[in-house]
Amino acid sequence: MPVMDGGRLIGFLGLDAVKLPHQFTNNKVEFMRVYANLLASTFQREGTYESLRDSVVRYDLLAQQTRSIAWEVNAEGQFTYISPLVESILGYRPDELIGKQHFYDLTPEAEREAFKAQAFEVFARQGLFQDLVNVAQHRNGQRVWLLTHGQPFFDANGTLLGYRGADQDVTARQEALSRLRE
């Protein structure tokens, strides 16, 4: 919705522009100014929200096309976002992970501490994850091999906020490599 100009706002509020200077005390004028700013801010926020929602939809569609799980974790490794594709690859709905699980919680218990240490070493130096092959456990218990790419993101002061990236299911490739080695 576009932001209203002053004349349209006056009409919208049912006021007479000719009598306007005589209709209000300073307090009423100040109230109207605050109200008009609030309306304008609301309309701008709605436009920003729509743009943000469109960006998320585009991001999710791109992730689906590449068969990658798009994700974001905070500096402690807890999921703050994960794309819906996680359900078809790992068996979890996004709402089961976001704000409730850490990325390493999906690693099988036998490998979890080593993977967690490796990942947090990268976090400590604020490095990139590139072509990191790691294993996750599907909800049904099966092992799923993932190819992880991720990069850090920061606040305006340069403080690490977390990582954003994508995991691609490479289970078939890893199983083929394992058969070749045998």
N, C-alpha and C. Protein backbone atom coordinates (compact mmCIF):
# COMPACT_ATOMS: atom_id res chain seq x y z
N MET A 1 0.85 -1.17 0.00
CA MET A 1 0.00 0.00 0.00
C MET A 1 0.90 1.24 0.00
N PRO A 2 0.65 2.23 -0.87
CA PRO A 2 1.50 3.40 -0.93
C PRO A 2 1.30 4.30 0.29
N VAL A 3 2.32 5.09 0.61
CA VAL A 3 2.24 6.03 1.70
C VAL A 3 1.37 7.20 1.27
N MET A 4 0.46 7.67 2.14
CA MET A 4 -0.44 8.77 1.81
C MET A 4 0.27 10.10 1.93
N ASP A 5 -0.07 11.02 1.03
CA ASP A 5 0.44 12.38 1.20
C ASP A 5 -0.46 13.10 2.20
N GLY A 6 -0.05 14.31 2.61
CA GLY A 6 -0.78 15.04 3.64
C GLY A 6 -2.23 15.30 3.29
N GLY A 7 -2.52 15.70 2.03
CA GLY A 7 -3.89 16.00 1.63
C GLY A 7 -4.78 14.78 1.69
N ARG A 8 -4.27 13.65 1.21
CA ARG A 8 -5.08 12.42 1.24
C ARG A 8 -5.29 11.95 2.67
N LEU A 9 -4.27 12.15 3.53
CA LEU A 9 -4.40 11.75 4.92
C LEU A 9 -5.48 12.58 5.60
N ILE A 10 -5.51 13.89 5.33
CA ILE A 10 -6.54 14.76 5.92
C ILE A 10 -7.92 14.29 5.49
N GLY A 11 -8.09 14.00 4.18
CA GLY A 11 -9.37 13.49 3.69
C GLY A 11 -9.71 12.14 4.29
N PHE A 12 -8.72 11.27 4.39
CA PHE A 12 -8.90 9.93 4.96
C PHE A 12 -9.42 10.03 6.39
N LEU A 13 -8.94 11.03 7.13
CA LEU A 13 -9.35 11.19 8.52
C LEU A 13 -10.66 11.96 8.65
N GLY A 14 -11.27 12.37 7.51
CA GLY A 14 -12.55 13.06 7.54
C GLY A 14 -12.47 14.51 7.98
N LEU A 15 -11.37 15.16 7.67
CA LEU A 15 -11.16 16.54 8.08
C LEU A 15 -11.36 17.48 6.90
N ASP A 16 -11.65 18.73 7.20
CA ASP A 16 -11.81 19.78 6.19
C ASP A 16 -10.50 20.56 6.13
N ALA A 17 -9.80 20.49 5.01
CA ALA A 17 -8.49 21.14 4.89
C ALA A 17 -8.56 22.64 5.07
N VAL A 18 -9.66 23.27 4.69
CA VAL A 18 -9.78 24.73 4.82
C VAL A 18 -9.89 25.13 6.29
N LYS A 19 -10.65 24.36 7.06
CA LYS A 19 -10.85 24.68 8.47
C LYS A 19 -9.76 24.07 9.37
N LEU A 20 -8.88 23.29 8.78
CA LEU A 20 -7.89 22.55 9.56
C LEU A 20 -7.11 23.41 10.55
N PRO A 21 -6.56 24.56 10.15
CA PRO A 21 -5.77 25.34 11.11
C PRO A 21 -6.57 25.75 12.34
N HIS A 22 -7.89 25.89 12.24
CA HIS A 22 -8.71 26.35 13.36
C HIS A 22 -9.32 25.20 14.15
N GLN A 23 -9.18 23.98 13.65
CA GLN A 23 -9.83 22.84 14.29
C GLN A 23 -9.00 22.23 15.42
N PHE A 24 -7.71 22.50 15.44
CA PHE A 24 -6.87 21.76 16.38
C PHE A 24 -6.03 22.68 17.26
N THR A 25 -5.87 22.24 18.48
CA THR A 25 -4.92 22.89 19.38
C THR A 25 -3.55 22.30 19.07
N ASN A 26 -2.52 22.81 19.70
CA ASN A 26 -1.17 22.28 19.48
C ASN A 26 -1.08 20.81 19.85
N ASN A 27 -1.77 20.41 20.91
CA ASN A 27 -1.76 19.00 21.31
C ASN A 27 -2.39 18.11 20.24
N LYS A 28 -3.48 18.58 19.66
CA LYS A 28 -4.15 17.80 18.63
C LYS A 28 -3.29 17.72 17.37
N VAL A 29 -2.62 18.82 17.03
CA VAL A 29 -1.73 18.82 15.86
C VAL A 29 -0.58 17.84 16.09
N GLU A 30 -0.02 17.87 17.29
CA GLU A 30 1.08 16.95 17.61
C GLU A 30 0.60 15.50 17.54
N PHE A 31 -0.61 15.24 18.05
CA PHE A 31 -1.18 13.89 17.96
C PHE A 31 -1.31 13.46 16.51
N MET A 32 -1.82 14.36 15.66
CA MET A 32 -2.00 14.04 14.24
C MET A 32 -0.65 13.76 13.58
N ARG A 33 0.38 14.53 13.93
CA ARG A 33 1.70 14.33 13.35
C ARG A 33 2.23 12.94 13.74
N VAL A 34 2.10 12.61 15.00
CA VAL A 34 2.55 11.30 15.48
C VAL A 34 1.76 10.19 14.79
N TYR A 35 0.44 10.37 14.68
CA TYR A 35 -0.40 9.38 14.05
C TYR A 35 -0.04 9.20 12.57
N ALA A 36 0.19 10.32 11.88
CA ALA A 36 0.57 10.25 10.47
C ALA A 36 1.90 9.53 10.30
N ASN A 37 2.86 9.80 11.18
CA ASN A 37 4.15 9.12 11.12
C ASN A 37 4.00 7.63 11.39
N LEU A 38 3.12 7.30 12.32
CA LEU A 38 2.87 5.90 12.63
C LEU A 38 2.25 5.18 11.42
N LEU A 39 1.28 5.82 10.77
CA LEU A 39 0.68 5.23 9.57
C LEU A 39 1.72 5.03 8.48
N ALA A 40 2.52 6.06 8.23
CA ALA A 40 3.54 5.97 7.19
C ALA A 40 4.52 4.85 7.51
N SER A 41 4.93 4.75 8.77
CA SER A 41 5.86 3.71 9.18
C SER A 41 5.26 2.32 8.98
N THR A 42 3.97 2.19 9.31
CA THR A 42 3.29 0.90 9.13
C THR A 42 3.25 0.51 7.67
N PHE A 43 2.90 1.46 6.80
CA PHE A 43 2.84 1.16 5.37
C PHE A 43 4.22 0.78 4.84
N GLN A 44 5.26 1.46 5.28
CA GLN A 44 6.62 1.13 4.84
C GLN A 44 7.02 -0.25 5.34
N ARG A 45 6.67 -0.56 6.59
CA ARG A 45 7.02 -1.86 7.16
C ARG A 45 6.33 -2.98 6.40
N GLU A 46 5.07 -2.76 6.01
CA GLU A 46 4.34 -3.78 5.23
C GLU A 46 5.06 -4.06 3.92
N GLY A 47 5.55 -3.00 3.26
CA GLY A 47 6.30 -3.19 2.02
C GLY A 47 7.58 -3.94 2.25
N THR A 48 8.28 -3.64 3.35
CA THR A 48 9.51 -4.34 3.69
C THR A 48 9.23 -5.80 3.99
N TYR A 49 8.15 -6.06 4.74
CA TYR A 49 7.78 -7.42 5.07
C TYR A 49 7.48 -8.22 3.80
N GLU A 50 6.74 -7.62 2.87
CA GLU A 50 6.43 -8.31 1.62
C GLU A 50 7.70 -8.63 0.84
N SER A 51 8.64 -7.70 0.79
CA SER A 51 9.92 -7.94 0.10
C SER A 51 10.69 -9.06 0.77
N LEU A 52 10.72 -9.04 2.09
CA LEU A 52 11.42 -10.08 2.83
C LEU A 52 10.78 -11.45 2.59
N ARG A 53 9.45 -11.50 2.65
CA ARG A 53 8.74 -12.76 2.40
C ARG A 53 9.03 -13.28 0.99
N ASP A 54 9.04 -12.38 0.00
CA ASP A 54 9.34 -12.78 -1.37
C ASP A 54 10.76 -13.32 -1.48
N SER A 55 11.70 -12.72 -0.76
CA SER A 55 13.09 -13.19 -0.78
C SER A 55 13.20 -14.59 -0.20
N VAL A 56 12.50 -14.83 0.90
CA VAL A 56 12.53 -16.16 1.53
C VAL A 56 11.94 -17.20 0.59
N VAL A 57 10.84 -16.87 -0.07
CA VAL A 57 10.22 -17.80 -1.03
C VAL A 57 11.20 -18.12 -2.16
N ARG A 58 11.84 -17.09 -2.71
CA ARG A 58 12.82 -17.32 -3.79
C ARG A 58 13.97 -18.19 -3.30
N TYR A 59 14.45 -17.92 -2.10
CA TYR A 59 15.56 -18.68 -1.52
C TYR A 59 15.17 -20.15 -1.35
N ASP A 60 13.96 -20.39 -0.84
CA ASP A 60 13.49 -21.77 -0.66
C ASP A 60 13.33 -22.48 -1.99
N LEU A 61 12.80 -21.80 -3.00
CA LEU A 61 12.64 -22.42 -4.32
C LEU A 61 13.99 -22.77 -4.94
N LEU A 62 14.95 -21.87 -4.79
CA LEU A 62 16.30 -22.15 -5.30
C LEU A 62 16.89 -23.36 -4.59
N ALA A 63 16.74 -23.42 -3.27
CA ALA A 63 17.26 -24.55 -2.51
C ALA A 63 16.61 -25.85 -2.95
N GLN A 64 15.30 -25.83 -3.21
CA GLN A 64 14.61 -27.03 -3.67
C GLN A 64 15.13 -27.48 -5.02
N GLN A 65 15.37 -26.55 -5.92
CA GLN A 65 15.85 -26.89 -7.26
C GLN A 65 17.24 -27.50 -7.22
N THR A 66 18.07 -27.08 -6.29
CA THR A 66 19.42 -27.63 -6.19
C THR A 66 19.48 -28.83 -5.26
N ARG A 67 18.30 -29.21 -4.73
CA ARG A 67 18.20 -30.32 -3.78
C ARG A 67 19.14 -30.12 -2.60
N SER A 68 19.17 -28.88 -2.11
CA SER A 68 20.01 -28.51 -0.97
C SER A 68 19.14 -28.00 0.16
N ILE A 69 19.57 -28.30 1.37
CA ILE A 69 18.92 -27.77 2.56
C ILE A 69 19.59 -26.44 2.87
N ALA A 70 18.87 -25.35 2.74
CA ALA A 70 19.38 -24.04 3.13
C ALA A 70 19.19 -23.90 4.64
N TRP A 71 20.18 -23.33 5.32
CA TRP A 71 20.09 -23.24 6.78
C TRP A 71 20.80 -21.99 7.29
N GLU A 72 20.48 -21.67 8.53
CA GLU A 72 21.17 -20.62 9.26
C GLU A 72 21.23 -21.06 10.72
N VAL A 73 22.40 -20.89 11.32
CA VAL A 73 22.56 -21.18 12.75
C VAL A 73 23.14 -19.96 13.43
N ASN A 74 22.85 -19.81 14.73
CA ASN A 74 23.44 -18.71 15.48
C ASN A 74 24.87 -19.08 15.89
N ALA A 75 25.53 -18.22 16.62
CA ALA A 75 26.94 -18.44 16.99
C ALA A 75 27.13 -19.66 17.89
N GLU A 76 26.06 -20.15 18.51
CA GLU A 76 26.13 -21.36 19.33
C GLU A 76 25.80 -22.61 18.52
N GLY A 77 25.43 -22.43 17.26
CA GLY A 77 25.12 -23.56 16.40
C GLY A 77 23.66 -23.98 16.39
N GLN A 78 22.80 -23.20 17.03
CA GLN A 78 21.37 -23.54 17.06
C GLN A 78 20.70 -23.04 15.78
N PHE A 79 19.83 -23.87 15.21
CA PHE A 79 19.14 -23.49 13.98
C PHE A 79 18.24 -22.28 14.22
N THR A 80 18.40 -21.27 13.38
CA THR A 80 17.50 -20.12 13.37
C THR A 80 16.67 -20.12 12.10
N TYR A 81 17.08 -20.92 11.12
CA TYR A 81 16.32 -21.11 9.88
C TYR A 81 16.79 -22.43 9.27
N ILE A 82 15.86 -23.14 8.68
CA ILE A 82 16.20 -24.31 7.86
C ILE A 82 15.06 -24.49 6.86
N SER A 83 15.42 -24.75 5.62
CA SER A 83 14.42 -24.81 4.55
C SER A 83 13.56 -26.08 4.66
N PRO A 84 12.38 -26.02 4.09
CA PRO A 84 11.45 -27.16 4.16
C PRO A 84 12.00 -28.46 3.56
N LEU A 85 12.98 -28.39 2.69
CA LEU A 85 13.55 -29.58 2.08
C LEU A 85 14.17 -30.52 3.11
N VAL A 86 14.46 -30.01 4.30
CA VAL A 86 15.03 -30.85 5.36
C VAL A 86 14.12 -32.05 5.65
N GLU A 87 12.83 -31.86 5.47
CA GLU A 87 11.90 -32.96 5.76
C GLU A 87 12.10 -34.13 4.81
N SER A 88 12.30 -33.87 3.52
CA SER A 88 12.47 -34.97 2.58
C SER A 88 13.86 -35.59 2.67
N ILE A 89 14.85 -34.84 3.12
CA ILE A 89 16.21 -35.38 3.19
C ILE A 89 16.52 -36.01 4.55
N LEU A 90 16.06 -35.37 5.64
CA LEU A 90 16.40 -35.87 6.98
C LEU A 90 15.19 -36.29 7.81
N GLY A 91 13.97 -36.05 7.29
CA GLY A 91 12.78 -36.51 8.00
C GLY A 91 12.27 -35.59 9.09
N TYR A 92 12.82 -34.41 9.24
CA TYR A 92 12.38 -33.46 10.26
C TYR A 92 11.71 -32.26 9.60
N ARG A 93 10.63 -31.78 10.21
CA ARG A 93 10.02 -30.53 9.76
C ARG A 93 10.86 -29.36 10.29
N PRO A 94 10.91 -28.25 9.59
CA PRO A 94 11.68 -27.10 10.07
C PRO A 94 11.32 -26.68 11.50
N ASP A 95 10.03 -26.73 11.85
CA ASP A 95 9.62 -26.28 13.19
C ASP A 95 10.11 -27.21 14.29
N GLU A 96 10.55 -28.42 13.94
CA GLU A 96 11.13 -29.33 14.93
C GLU A 96 12.59 -28.99 15.22
N LEU A 97 13.20 -28.21 14.34
CA LEU A 97 14.62 -27.90 14.47
C LEU A 97 14.90 -26.46 14.85
N ILE A 98 14.16 -25.53 14.27
CA ILE A 98 14.43 -24.11 14.48
C ILE A 98 14.19 -23.73 15.94
N GLY A 99 15.25 -23.20 16.55
CA GLY A 99 15.18 -22.78 17.95
C GLY A 99 15.19 -23.91 18.95
N LYS A 100 15.31 -25.16 18.47
CA LYS A 100 15.24 -26.32 19.36
C LYS A 100 16.46 -27.23 19.27
N GLN A 101 17.10 -27.23 18.11
CA GLN A 101 18.21 -28.15 17.89
C GLN A 101 19.44 -27.39 17.40
N HIS A 102 20.60 -27.99 17.63
CA HIS A 102 21.86 -27.48 17.10
C HIS A 102 22.23 -28.35 15.89
N PHE A 103 23.03 -27.79 14.99
CA PHE A 103 23.38 -28.56 13.79
C PHE A 103 24.02 -29.89 14.14
N TYR A 104 24.82 -29.93 15.18
CA TYR A 104 25.53 -31.16 15.54
C TYR A 104 24.60 -32.20 16.16
N ASP A 105 23.40 -31.80 16.60
CA ASP A 105 22.44 -32.76 17.16
C ASP A 105 22.00 -33.78 16.12
N LEU A 106 22.14 -33.44 14.84
CA LEU A 106 21.74 -34.35 13.76
C LEU A 106 22.83 -35.35 13.40
N THR A 107 24.01 -35.18 13.97
CA THR A 107 25.14 -36.09 13.71
C THR A 107 24.97 -37.34 14.58
N PRO A 108 25.22 -38.53 14.02
CA PRO A 108 25.14 -39.74 14.85
C PRO A 108 26.03 -39.61 16.08
N GLU A 109 25.57 -40.15 17.18
CA GLU A 109 26.24 -39.97 18.46
C GLU A 109 27.73 -40.33 18.44
N ALA A 110 28.08 -41.39 17.74
CA ALA A 110 29.48 -41.84 17.70
C ALA A 110 30.42 -40.80 17.08
N GLU A 111 29.91 -40.00 16.14
CA GLU A 111 30.73 -39.00 15.46
C GLU A 111 30.49 -37.58 15.94
N ARG A 112 29.52 -37.40 16.83
CA ARG A 112 29.05 -36.06 17.19
C ARG A 112 30.14 -35.16 17.78
N GLU A 113 30.85 -35.60 18.79
CA GLU A 113 31.83 -34.73 19.45
C GLU A 113 32.96 -34.33 18.52
N ALA A 114 33.42 -35.25 17.68
CA ALA A 114 34.49 -34.91 16.73
C ALA A 114 34.00 -33.89 15.71
N PHE A 115 32.79 -34.08 15.20
CA PHE A 115 32.23 -33.14 14.23
C PHE A 115 32.01 -31.77 14.87
N LYS A 116 31.47 -31.76 16.08
CA LYS A 116 31.23 -30.51 16.80
C LYS A 116 32.54 -29.76 17.01
N ALA A 117 33.59 -30.45 17.42
CA ALA A 117 34.90 -29.80 17.64
C ALA A 117 35.45 -29.23 16.33
N GLN A 118 35.33 -30.00 15.26
CA GLN A 118 35.79 -29.54 13.95
C GLN A 118 35.03 -28.28 13.51
N ALA A 119 33.72 -28.29 13.68
CA ALA A 119 32.90 -27.14 13.27
C ALA A 119 33.21 -25.91 14.12
N PHE A 120 33.32 -26.08 15.42
CA PHE A 120 33.57 -24.91 16.27
C PHE A 120 34.99 -24.37 16.13
N GLU A 121 35.89 -25.19 15.65
CA GLU A 121 37.23 -24.68 15.32
C GLU A 121 37.11 -23.70 14.15
N VAL A 122 36.28 -24.02 13.17
CA VAL A 122 36.03 -23.11 12.05
C VAL A 122 35.30 -21.87 12.54
N PHE A 123 34.33 -22.04 13.43
CA PHE A 123 33.62 -20.89 14.01
C PHE A 123 34.61 -19.95 14.69
N ALA A 124 35.56 -20.51 15.47
CA ALA A 124 36.50 -19.69 16.24
C ALA A 124 37.35 -18.81 15.34
N ARG A 125 37.72 -19.30 14.18
CA ARG A 125 38.53 -18.48 13.27
C ARG A 125 37.66 -17.80 12.21
N GLN A 126 36.33 -17.96 12.36
CA GLN A 126 35.35 -17.34 11.47
C GLN A 126 35.62 -17.67 10.00
N GLY A 127 35.96 -18.94 9.78
CA GLY A 127 36.28 -19.42 8.44
C GLY A 127 35.05 -19.88 7.68
N LEU A 128 35.30 -20.33 6.47
CA LEU A 128 34.25 -20.85 5.61
C LEU A 128 34.20 -22.37 5.72
N PHE A 129 33.01 -22.91 5.48
CA PHE A 129 32.87 -24.35 5.29
C PHE A 129 32.74 -24.55 3.79
N GLN A 130 33.67 -25.28 3.21
CA GLN A 130 33.60 -25.55 1.78
C GLN A 130 33.84 -27.03 1.56
N ASP A 131 32.88 -27.66 0.89
CA ASP A 131 33.00 -29.08 0.55
C ASP A 131 33.27 -29.95 1.77
N LEU A 132 32.63 -29.63 2.88
CA LEU A 132 32.78 -30.43 4.10
C LEU A 132 31.80 -31.60 4.02
N VAL A 133 32.33 -32.80 3.90
CA VAL A 133 31.50 -34.01 3.86
C VAL A 133 31.32 -34.49 5.29
N ASN A 134 30.06 -34.63 5.69
CA ASN A 134 29.76 -35.05 7.06
C ASN A 134 28.50 -35.90 7.04
N VAL A 135 28.30 -36.61 8.11
CA VAL A 135 27.16 -37.52 8.18
C VAL A 135 26.12 -36.98 9.16
N ALA A 136 24.87 -37.17 8.79
CA ALA A 136 23.74 -36.82 9.65
C ALA A 136 22.89 -38.07 9.81
N GLN A 137 22.04 -38.05 10.81
CA GLN A 137 21.16 -39.19 11.04
C GLN A 137 19.74 -38.78 10.70
N HIS A 138 19.15 -39.49 9.75
CA HIS A 138 17.74 -39.29 9.38
C HIS A 138 16.88 -39.65 10.59
N ARG A 139 15.72 -39.09 10.64
CA ARG A 139 14.79 -39.38 11.74
C ARG A 139 14.58 -40.89 11.90
N ASN A 140 14.61 -41.64 10.78
CA ASN A 140 14.38 -43.09 10.84
C ASN A 140 15.64 -43.87 11.23
N GLY A 141 16.74 -43.17 11.51
CA GLY A 141 17.97 -43.81 11.95
C GLY A 141 19.00 -44.03 10.86
N GLN A 142 18.62 -43.90 9.61
CA GLN A 142 19.57 -44.09 8.51
C GLN A 142 20.60 -42.97 8.49
N ARG A 143 21.79 -43.32 8.00
CA ARG A 143 22.85 -42.32 7.84
C ARG A 143 22.67 -41.61 6.51
N VAL A 144 22.80 -40.29 6.54
CA VAL A 144 22.69 -39.46 5.35
C VAL A 144 23.96 -38.63 5.26
N TRP A 145 24.66 -38.75 4.13
CA TRP A 145 25.89 -37.98 3.94
C TRP A 145 25.55 -36.64 3.30
N LEU A 146 26.13 -35.58 3.87
CA LEU A 146 25.86 -34.22 3.42
C LEU A 146 27.16 -33.54 2.99
N LEU A 147 27.05 -32.74 1.96
CA LEU A 147 28.15 -31.87 1.52
C LEU A 147 27.76 -30.47 1.98
N THR A 148 28.54 -29.92 2.91
CA THR A 148 28.18 -28.65 3.55
C THR A 148 29.04 -27.51 3.04
N HIS A 149 28.37 -26.40 2.77
CA HIS A 149 29.01 -25.13 2.45
C HIS A 149 28.38 -24.11 3.39
N GLY A 150 29.19 -23.25 4.00
CA GLY A 150 28.65 -22.24 4.89
C GLY A 150 29.61 -21.09 5.05
N GLN A 151 29.05 -19.95 5.40
CA GLN A 151 29.89 -18.78 5.63
C GLN A 151 29.36 -18.01 6.82
N PRO A 152 30.26 -17.33 7.53
CA PRO A 152 29.83 -16.58 8.71
C PRO A 152 29.08 -15.30 8.32
N PHE A 153 28.26 -14.81 9.24
CA PHE A 153 27.66 -13.48 9.09
C PHE A 153 27.80 -12.75 10.42
N PHE A 154 27.86 -11.43 10.32
CA PHE A 154 28.24 -10.60 11.46
C PHE A 154 27.25 -9.46 11.66
N ASP A 155 27.26 -8.87 12.87
CA ASP A 155 26.47 -7.66 13.10
C ASP A 155 27.28 -6.45 12.64
N ALA A 156 26.74 -5.25 12.82
CA ALA A 156 27.39 -4.03 12.36
C ALA A 156 28.73 -3.78 13.05
N ASN A 157 28.94 -4.37 14.23
CA ASN A 157 30.20 -4.19 14.97
C ASN A 157 31.22 -5.27 14.66
N GLY A 158 30.88 -6.19 13.76
CA GLY A 158 31.81 -7.26 13.41
C GLY A 158 31.74 -8.48 14.31
N THR A 159 30.74 -8.54 15.17
CA THR A 159 30.57 -9.70 16.06
C THR A 159 29.91 -10.83 15.28
N LEU A 160 30.47 -12.03 15.40
CA LEU A 160 29.91 -13.19 14.73
C LEU A 160 28.50 -13.48 15.24
N LEU A 161 27.54 -13.52 14.34
CA LEU A 161 26.16 -13.85 14.69
C LEU A 161 25.86 -15.31 14.42
N GLY A 162 26.55 -15.90 13.45
CA GLY A 162 26.31 -17.29 13.12
C GLY A 162 26.79 -17.61 11.72
N TYR A 163 26.23 -18.66 11.17
CA TYR A 163 26.60 -19.12 9.83
C TYR A 163 25.35 -19.35 9.00
N ARG A 164 25.50 -19.14 7.70
CA ARG A 164 24.45 -19.46 6.72
C ARG A 164 25.06 -20.35 5.67
N GLY A 165 24.28 -21.30 5.20
CA GLY A 165 24.83 -22.17 4.17
C GLY A 165 23.81 -23.15 3.63
N ALA A 166 24.34 -24.22 3.06
CA ALA A 166 23.49 -25.23 2.45
C ALA A 166 24.16 -26.59 2.58
N ASP A 167 23.32 -27.61 2.71
CA ASP A 167 23.76 -29.00 2.75
C ASP A 167 23.13 -29.72 1.58
N GLN A 168 23.94 -30.43 0.84
CA GLN A 168 23.44 -31.22 -0.28
C GLN A 168 23.58 -32.70 0.07
N ASP A 169 22.55 -33.46 -0.22
CA ASP A 169 22.56 -34.90 0.06
C ASP A 169 23.49 -35.58 -0.95
N VAL A 170 24.59 -36.16 -0.45
CA VAL A 170 25.55 -36.87 -1.31
C VAL A 170 25.68 -38.32 -0.87
N THR A 171 24.62 -38.86 -0.28
CA THR A 171 24.64 -40.23 0.23
C THR A 171 24.96 -41.22 -0.87
N ALA A 172 24.31 -41.12 -2.02
CA ALA A 172 24.54 -42.06 -3.13
C ALA A 172 26.01 -42.02 -3.55
N ARG A 173 26.57 -40.84 -3.64
CA ARG A 173 27.98 -40.69 -4.03
C ARG A 173 28.90 -41.34 -3.00
N GLN A 174 28.64 -41.08 -1.71
CA GLN A 174 29.49 -41.65 -0.66
C GLN A 174 29.39 -43.17 -0.63
N GLU A 175 28.18 -43.70 -0.83
CA GLU A 175 28.02 -45.16 -0.85
C GLU A 175 28.74 -45.77 -2.05
N ALA A 176 28.71 -45.11 -3.20
CA ALA A 176 29.42 -45.60 -4.39
C ALA A 176 30.93 -45.58 -4.14
N LEU A 177 31.44 -44.51 -3.52
CA LEU A 177 32.88 -44.44 -3.21
C LEU A 177 33.28 -45.55 -2.23
N SER A 178 32.42 -45.82 -1.26
CA SER A 178 32.69 -46.88 -0.30
C SER A 178 32.75 -48.24 -0.98
N ARG A 179 31.83 -48.49 -1.92
CA ARG A 179 31.84 -49.76 -2.67
C ARG A 179 33.10 -49.88 -3.53
N LEU A 180 33.54 -48.78 -4.11
CA LEU A 180 34.76 -48.81 -4.92
C LEU A 180 35.97 -49.13 -4.08
N ARG A 181 36.03 -48.60 -2.87
CA ARG A 181 37.17 -48.86 -1.97
C ARG A 181 37.21 -50.33 -1.57
N GLU A 182 36.02 -50.93 -1.41
CA GLU A 182 35.97 -52.34 -1.01
C GLU A 182 36.43 -53.21 -2.15
